[in-house]
């Protein structure tokens, strides 16, 4: 239980299973389906079976299967949930099932913990064990799972699409494997990358606990599969005019030249006093104008360097 939810509160654990099943039903409803409409179902990464606790009616018909890498969790589930067939899988494929075994595969928080190599290997394996026309509902951490405050992690996710953070691991006492960490997906990456294996039928933000997103996939032949979208947003180059420093310098010097011009609203005496004060301050205002121009030039150089780096990264990605 603690490995699945991070605590030992059974009520929260049990309720979480029901909420996850309801979220699955809502996502399947996007294409007019329900869990009961499938014949052979696999929960890939079931933990100790918290979703299976709410699927007794489905399991009673036969055809409900679940698998997980945690052998202890599977042993407990197999003992306490007799209407589901449980099995243990390794950290890497294959699964102990024949080709095309399932017309529905779902999971709850598996691809939220895998690096890209394991992700791709398991997408390939899920393609193998799913039937032609079968559906898959897989959860991911989307952009919003990183939080509302913009951070370096947001920048890295927006740039790469798949962000694996090996330092964000659960507490060692929970017993998770060493490769288990935190993973985040940009929606554009899912549409562009996952479409190599499946047709993407829907992307549902915040589908699970208003936190994880659902990706609804369908097993289709390569001929029927839509061409993967070039969904990655282009890097927008920062608009930097060629004459930016000159324009800024002109604006700054013009503004400084206007200081003290025109009559004072307080009369001739105030105008004379203001003129005297401005003459005393002239060395400082000239210095400030020079500093403003230098700052504008530095910002311009930084913007140009950033844009050049973005062009180099784009060129490297096109080579890959």
Protein backbone atom coordinates (compact mmCIF):
# COMPACT_ATOMS: atom_id res chain seq x y z
CA UNK A 1 0.00 0.00 0.00
CA UNK A 2 2.76 2.44 0.96
CA UNK A 3 4.61 1.72 -2.30
CA UNK A 4 1.51 2.64 -4.30
CA UNK A 5 0.23 5.75 -2.48
CA UNK A 6 3.10 6.73 -0.19
CA UNK A 7 1.12 6.16 3.04
CA UNK A 8 -0.61 3.35 4.95
CA UNK A 9 -4.11 4.83 5.19
CA UNK A 10 -6.35 2.01 3.89
CA UNK A 11 -9.39 4.28 3.48
CA UNK A 12 -7.46 6.62 1.19
CA UNK A 13 -5.96 3.65 -0.63
CA UNK A 14 -9.37 2.06 -1.17
CA UNK A 15 -10.98 5.35 -2.26
CA UNK A 16 -8.08 6.00 -4.61
CA UNK A 17 -8.81 2.73 -6.40
CA UNK A 18 -12.43 3.72 -6.96
CA UNK A 19 -11.43 7.18 -8.17
CA UNK A 20 -8.95 5.64 -10.62
CA UNK A 21 -11.62 3.29 -12.02
CA UNK A 22 -14.04 6.21 -12.43
CA UNK A 23 -11.36 8.21 -14.23
CA UNK A 24 -10.76 5.26 -16.54
CA UNK A 25 -14.49 5.04 -17.30
CA UNK A 26 -14.66 8.77 -18.08
CA UNK A 27 -11.77 8.51 -20.54
CA UNK A 28 -13.24 5.44 -22.26
CA UNK A 29 -16.54 7.32 -22.59
CA UNK A 30 -14.77 9.75 -24.94
CA UNK A 31 -14.99 7.02 -27.60
CA UNK A 32 -18.30 5.63 -26.39
CA UNK A 33 -16.92 2.60 -24.52
CA UNK A 34 -17.02 1.30 -20.94
CA UNK A 35 -14.91 -1.26 -19.09
CA UNK A 36 -17.72 -3.84 -19.30
CA UNK A 37 -17.64 -3.71 -23.12
CA UNK A 38 -14.21 -5.41 -23.30
CA UNK A 39 -13.53 -9.15 -23.25
CA UNK A 40 -9.89 -9.36 -22.19
CA UNK A 41 -8.43 -6.65 -19.96
CA UNK A 42 -4.92 -6.04 -18.60
CA UNK A 43 -3.90 -3.66 -15.82
CA UNK A 44 -0.23 -3.04 -16.58
CA UNK A 45 1.43 -1.99 -13.31
CA UNK A 46 -1.38 -2.92 -10.93
CA UNK A 47 0.56 -2.71 -7.66
CA UNK A 48 -1.35 -4.71 -5.06
CA UNK A 49 -4.62 -4.44 -6.98
CA UNK A 50 -6.36 -1.33 -5.69
CA UNK A 51 -8.25 -0.88 -8.97
CA UNK A 52 -9.10 -4.60 -9.15
CA UNK A 53 -10.88 -4.26 -5.80
CA UNK A 54 -13.53 -2.26 -7.70
CA UNK A 55 -13.72 -4.52 -10.76
CA UNK A 56 -15.28 -7.65 -9.30
CA UNK A 57 -18.22 -7.57 -11.73
CA UNK A 58 -15.79 -7.38 -14.65
CA UNK A 59 -13.55 -10.09 -13.23
CA UNK A 60 -16.47 -12.44 -12.61
CA UNK A 61 -16.89 -12.80 -16.39
CA UNK A 62 -13.24 -13.91 -16.71
CA UNK A 63 -10.68 -12.12 -18.78
CA UNK A 64 -9.39 -9.70 -16.10
CA UNK A 65 -5.59 -9.80 -15.82
CA UNK A 66 -3.05 -7.67 -13.96
CA UNK A 67 0.73 -7.57 -13.76
CA UNK A 68 3.38 -5.67 -11.83
CA UNK A 69 7.12 -5.69 -11.19
CA UNK A 70 6.53 -5.90 -7.41
CA UNK A 71 6.40 -9.61 -6.55
CA UNK A 72 5.29 -8.97 -2.94
CA UNK A 73 2.36 -6.83 -4.08
CA UNK A 74 1.33 -9.45 -6.63
CA UNK A 75 1.46 -12.21 -4.01
CA UNK A 76 -0.89 -10.24 -1.75
CA UNK A 77 -3.26 -9.40 -4.61
CA UNK A 78 -3.39 -12.99 -5.86
CA UNK A 79 -4.32 -14.16 -2.37
CA UNK A 80 -7.05 -11.58 -1.74
CA UNK A 81 -8.57 -10.90 -5.20
CA UNK A 82 -9.57 -14.28 -6.67
CA UNK A 83 -11.46 -12.98 -9.71
CA UNK A 84 -8.33 -11.53 -11.37
CA UNK A 85 -5.34 -13.42 -12.80
CA UNK A 86 -2.12 -11.83 -11.54
CA UNK A 87 1.44 -12.20 -12.80
CA UNK A 88 4.87 -10.71 -12.13
CA UNK A 89 6.76 -8.94 -14.91
CA UNK A 90 10.40 -7.89 -15.10
CA UNK A 91 11.78 -4.37 -15.25
CA UNK A 92 12.01 -4.79 -19.02
CA UNK A 93 9.86 -6.73 -21.53
CA UNK A 94 8.55 -9.23 -22.33
CA UNK A 95 5.23 -9.77 -20.57
CA UNK A 96 4.04 -13.36 -20.01
CA UNK A 97 1.19 -13.07 -22.54
CA UNK A 98 0.78 -14.04 -26.20
CA UNK A 99 0.51 -11.57 -29.06
CA UNK A 100 -2.81 -9.76 -29.30
CA UNK A 101 -4.07 -11.04 -25.94
CA UNK A 102 -6.00 -7.94 -24.78
CA UNK A 103 -8.58 -5.56 -26.19
CA UNK A 104 -8.15 -3.13 -23.27
CA UNK A 105 -4.90 -2.27 -21.48
CA UNK A 106 -4.78 0.41 -18.81
CA UNK A 107 -2.40 1.57 -16.14
CA UNK A 108 -2.15 4.02 -13.31
CA UNK A 109 1.18 5.80 -12.90
CA UNK A 110 3.70 3.60 -14.71
CA UNK A 111 5.05 5.84 -17.46
CA UNK A 112 5.28 8.55 -14.79
CA UNK A 113 8.39 6.73 -13.50
CA UNK A 114 10.28 5.42 -16.55
CA UNK A 115 13.21 6.83 -18.49
CA UNK A 116 12.80 7.12 -22.24
CA UNK A 117 14.54 3.85 -23.08
CA UNK A 118 12.22 1.82 -20.84
CA UNK A 119 9.23 3.84 -21.98
CA UNK A 120 9.87 2.98 -25.62
CA UNK A 121 10.52 -0.69 -24.82
CA UNK A 122 7.22 -0.98 -22.95
CA UNK A 123 5.24 0.86 -25.61
CA UNK A 124 6.58 -1.69 -28.09
CA UNK A 125 5.58 -4.55 -25.79
CA UNK A 126 2.09 -3.15 -25.16
CA UNK A 127 1.65 -2.89 -28.90
CA UNK A 128 2.54 -6.60 -29.14
CA UNK A 129 0.06 -7.83 -26.50
CA UNK A 130 -2.83 -5.58 -27.56
CA UNK A 131 -5.30 -6.70 -30.21
CA UNK A 132 -5.80 -4.85 -33.49
CA UNK A 133 -8.46 -2.26 -32.73
CA UNK A 134 -7.86 -2.59 -28.99
CA UNK A 135 -7.67 0.45 -26.71
CA UNK A 136 -5.09 1.54 -24.16
CA UNK A 137 -5.46 4.16 -21.43
CA UNK A 138 -2.08 5.19 -19.99
CA UNK A 139 -1.40 7.94 -17.48
CA UNK A 140 1.40 10.52 -17.58
CA UNK A 141 2.56 13.51 -15.58
CA UNK A 142 1.76 16.46 -17.82
CA UNK A 143 3.16 19.98 -17.70
CA UNK A 144 0.86 21.02 -14.83
CA UNK A 145 2.26 18.27 -12.58
CA UNK A 146 5.44 20.34 -12.31
CA UNK A 147 3.51 23.09 -10.52
CA UNK A 148 2.37 26.60 -11.39
CA UNK A 149 5.66 28.40 -10.74
CA UNK A 150 7.79 28.51 -13.88
CA UNK A 151 11.10 26.76 -13.27
CA UNK A 152 14.11 25.27 -15.04
CA UNK A 153 12.23 21.95 -15.11
CA UNK A 154 9.43 23.58 -17.14
CA UNK A 155 11.99 24.88 -19.62
CA UNK A 156 13.64 21.46 -19.95
CA UNK A 157 10.26 19.73 -20.40
CA UNK A 158 9.12 22.23 -23.02
CA UNK A 159 12.40 21.75 -24.88
CA UNK A 160 12.77 17.94 -24.76
CA UNK A 161 9.19 16.76 -24.26
CA UNK A 162 10.27 13.90 -21.94
CA UNK A 163 11.78 14.85 -18.59
CA UNK A 164 13.20 12.07 -16.42
CA UNK A 165 14.44 13.25 -13.00
CA UNK A 166 16.58 10.45 -11.52
CA UNK A 167 17.13 12.42 -8.31
CA UNK A 168 13.38 12.44 -7.57
CA UNK A 169 13.07 8.94 -6.15
CA UNK A 170 10.76 7.63 -3.42
CA UNK A 171 12.14 7.04 0.05
CA UNK A 172 14.46 3.97 0.08
CA UNK A 173 12.43 2.27 2.81
CA UNK A 174 9.48 1.95 0.40
CA UNK A 175 11.46 -0.63 -1.56
CA UNK A 176 11.12 0.71 -5.10
CA UNK A 177 13.69 -0.46 -7.70
CA UNK A 178 16.67 1.84 -8.41
CA UNK A 179 15.43 2.80 -11.88
CA UNK A 180 12.10 4.11 -10.49
CA UNK A 181 12.05 7.93 -10.45
CA UNK A 182 9.84 10.84 -11.61
CA UNK A 183 8.98 11.40 -15.27
CA UNK A 184 7.04 14.19 -16.97
CA UNK A 185 5.63 14.41 -20.51
CA UNK A 186 4.78 17.42 -22.63
CA UNK A 187 1.56 16.82 -24.61
CA UNK A 188 3.31 17.67 -27.89
CA UNK A 189 5.83 14.89 -27.21
CA UNK A 190 3.10 12.30 -26.65
CA UNK A 191 1.39 13.19 -29.92
CA UNK A 192 4.66 13.19 -31.82
CA UNK A 193 6.53 10.28 -30.20
CA UNK A 194 3.90 7.79 -29.02
CA UNK A 195 2.20 7.88 -32.41
CA UNK A 196 5.00 5.62 -33.65
CA UNK A 197 3.20 2.72 -31.92
CA UNK A 198 -0.48 3.70 -31.66
CA UNK A 199 -3.14 5.98 -33.02
CA UNK A 200 -3.83 8.64 -30.39
CA UNK A 201 -7.58 8.98 -29.87
CA UNK A 202 -7.60 11.47 -27.00
CA UNK A 203 -5.42 13.33 -24.54
CA UNK A 204 -7.29 14.15 -21.32
CA UNK A 205 -5.51 16.67 -19.05
CA UNK A 206 -5.76 16.16 -15.28
CA UNK A 207 -7.90 13.05 -15.74
CA UNK A 208 -6.70 11.34 -12.54
CA UNK A 209 -7.03 13.19 -9.23
CA UNK A 210 -6.77 16.46 -11.20
CA UNK A 211 -3.05 15.67 -11.46
CA UNK A 212 -2.15 12.96 -13.99
CA UNK A 213 -3.23 13.06 -17.63
CA UNK A 214 -4.77 10.18 -19.58
CA UNK A 215 -3.62 9.21 -23.05
CA UNK A 216 -6.19 7.15 -24.99
CA UNK A 217 -4.52 5.02 -27.66
CA UNK A 218 -5.69 2.49 -30.22
CA UNK A 219 -3.80 -0.41 -31.77
CA UNK A 220 -4.01 0.03 -35.54
CA UNK A 221 -2.03 -1.34 -38.44
CA UNK A 222 0.82 0.78 -39.69
CA UNK A 223 -1.19 1.54 -42.82
CA UNK A 224 -4.20 2.72 -40.79
CA UNK A 225 -2.19 4.65 -38.24
CA UNK A 226 -2.22 8.39 -38.80
CA UNK A 227 1.14 9.89 -39.56
CA UNK A 228 2.76 11.17 -36.34
CA UNK A 229 2.07 14.83 -35.85
CA UNK A 230 4.94 17.29 -35.98
CA UNK A 231 3.48 18.67 -32.79
CA UNK A 232 6.55 20.20 -31.21
CA UNK A 233 6.08 23.96 -30.89
CA UNK A 234 8.83 25.82 -32.75
CA UNK A 235 11.32 27.74 -30.71
CA UNK A 236 10.22 31.30 -31.12
CA UNK A 237 13.32 33.40 -31.78
CA UNK A 238 13.47 36.47 -29.64
CA UNK A 239 12.76 39.44 -31.90
CA UNK A 240 15.94 41.46 -31.90
CA UNK A 241 16.23 44.26 -34.42
CA UNK A 242 19.60 44.71 -36.11
CA UNK A 243 19.78 48.34 -34.96
CA UNK A 244 18.44 47.74 -31.44
CA UNK A 245 21.39 49.32 -29.57
CA UNK A 246 21.32 52.37 -31.82
CA UNK A 247 17.56 52.79 -31.37
CA UNK A 248 17.83 52.42 -27.59
CA UNK A 249 20.73 54.88 -27.48
CA UNK A 250 18.70 57.41 -29.44
CA UNK A 251 15.71 57.03 -27.11
CA UNK A 252 17.83 57.29 -23.96
CA UNK A 253 19.77 60.34 -25.09
CA UNK A 254 16.59 62.02 -26.35
CA UNK A 255 14.87 61.44 -23.02
CA UNK A 256 17.82 62.82 -21.08
CA UNK A 257 17.94 65.86 -23.35
CA UNK A 258 14.34 66.70 -22.45
CA UNK A 259 15.08 66.86 -18.73
CA UNK A 260 14.57 70.41 -17.50
CA UNK A 261 13.09 71.72 -20.77
CA UNK A 262 10.00 73.91 -20.70
CA UNK A 263 8.76 76.39 -18.09
CA UNK A 264 8.08 75.30 -14.55
CA UNK A 265 4.51 75.45 -13.31
CA UNK A 266 5.85 77.13 -10.18
CA UNK A 267 7.01 80.30 -11.97
CA UNK A 268 10.28 81.93 -13.14
CA UNK A 269 12.08 81.55 -9.80
CA UNK A 270 11.45 77.79 -9.73
CA UNK A 271 12.62 77.54 -13.35
CA UNK A 272 15.88 79.26 -12.45
CA UNK A 273 16.43 77.05 -9.40
CA UNK A 274 15.69 73.92 -11.41
CA UNK A 275 18.23 74.98 -14.01
CA UNK A 276 20.89 75.43 -11.34
CA UNK A 277 20.19 72.01 -9.87
CA UNK A 278 20.32 70.35 -13.30
CA UNK A 279 23.67 71.98 -14.06
CA UNK A 280 25.05 70.53 -10.84
CA UNK A 281 23.60 67.08 -11.74
CA UNK A 282 24.75 67.07 -15.37
CA UNK A 283 27.81 64.83 -14.80
CA UNK A 284 25.58 62.24 -13.12
CA UNK A 285 22.83 62.31 -15.77
CA UNK A 286 25.42 61.92 -18.55
CA UNK A 287 26.90 58.97 -16.67
CA UNK A 288 23.41 57.42 -16.26
CA UNK A 289 22.67 57.78 -19.97
CA UNK A 290 25.95 56.02 -20.80
CA UNK A 291 25.11 53.21 -18.34
CA UNK A 292 21.61 52.79 -19.86
CA UNK A 293 23.05 52.46 -23.35
CA UNK A 294 25.67 49.93 -22.18
CA UNK A 295 22.97 47.87 -20.50
CA UNK A 296 20.86 47.87 -23.68
CA UNK A 297 23.85 46.67 -25.69
CA UNK A 298 24.52 43.85 -23.20
CA UNK A 299 20.91 42.69 -23.33
CA UNK A 300 21.06 42.76 -27.12
CA UNK A 301 24.24 40.62 -27.16
CA UNK A 302 22.69 38.12 -24.72
CA UNK A 303 19.54 37.83 -26.85
CA UNK A 304 21.60 37.19 -29.97
CA UNK A 305 23.68 34.52 -28.21
CA UNK A 306 20.50 32.81 -26.96
CA UNK A 307 18.97 32.76 -30.42
CA UNK A 308 22.20 31.37 -31.93
CA UNK A 309 22.22 28.57 -29.34
CA UNK A 310 18.59 27.74 -30.14
CA UNK A 311 19.46 27.48 -33.84
CA UNK A 312 22.36 25.13 -33.04
CA UNK A 313 20.08 22.90 -30.93
CA UNK A 314 17.48 22.77 -33.70
CA UNK A 315 20.19 21.77 -36.19
CA UNK A 316 21.42 18.97 -33.88
CA UNK A 317 17.87 17.64 -33.41
CA UNK A 318 17.30 17.57 -37.16
CA UNK A 319 20.49 15.52 -37.52
CA UNK A 320 19.17 13.02 -34.94
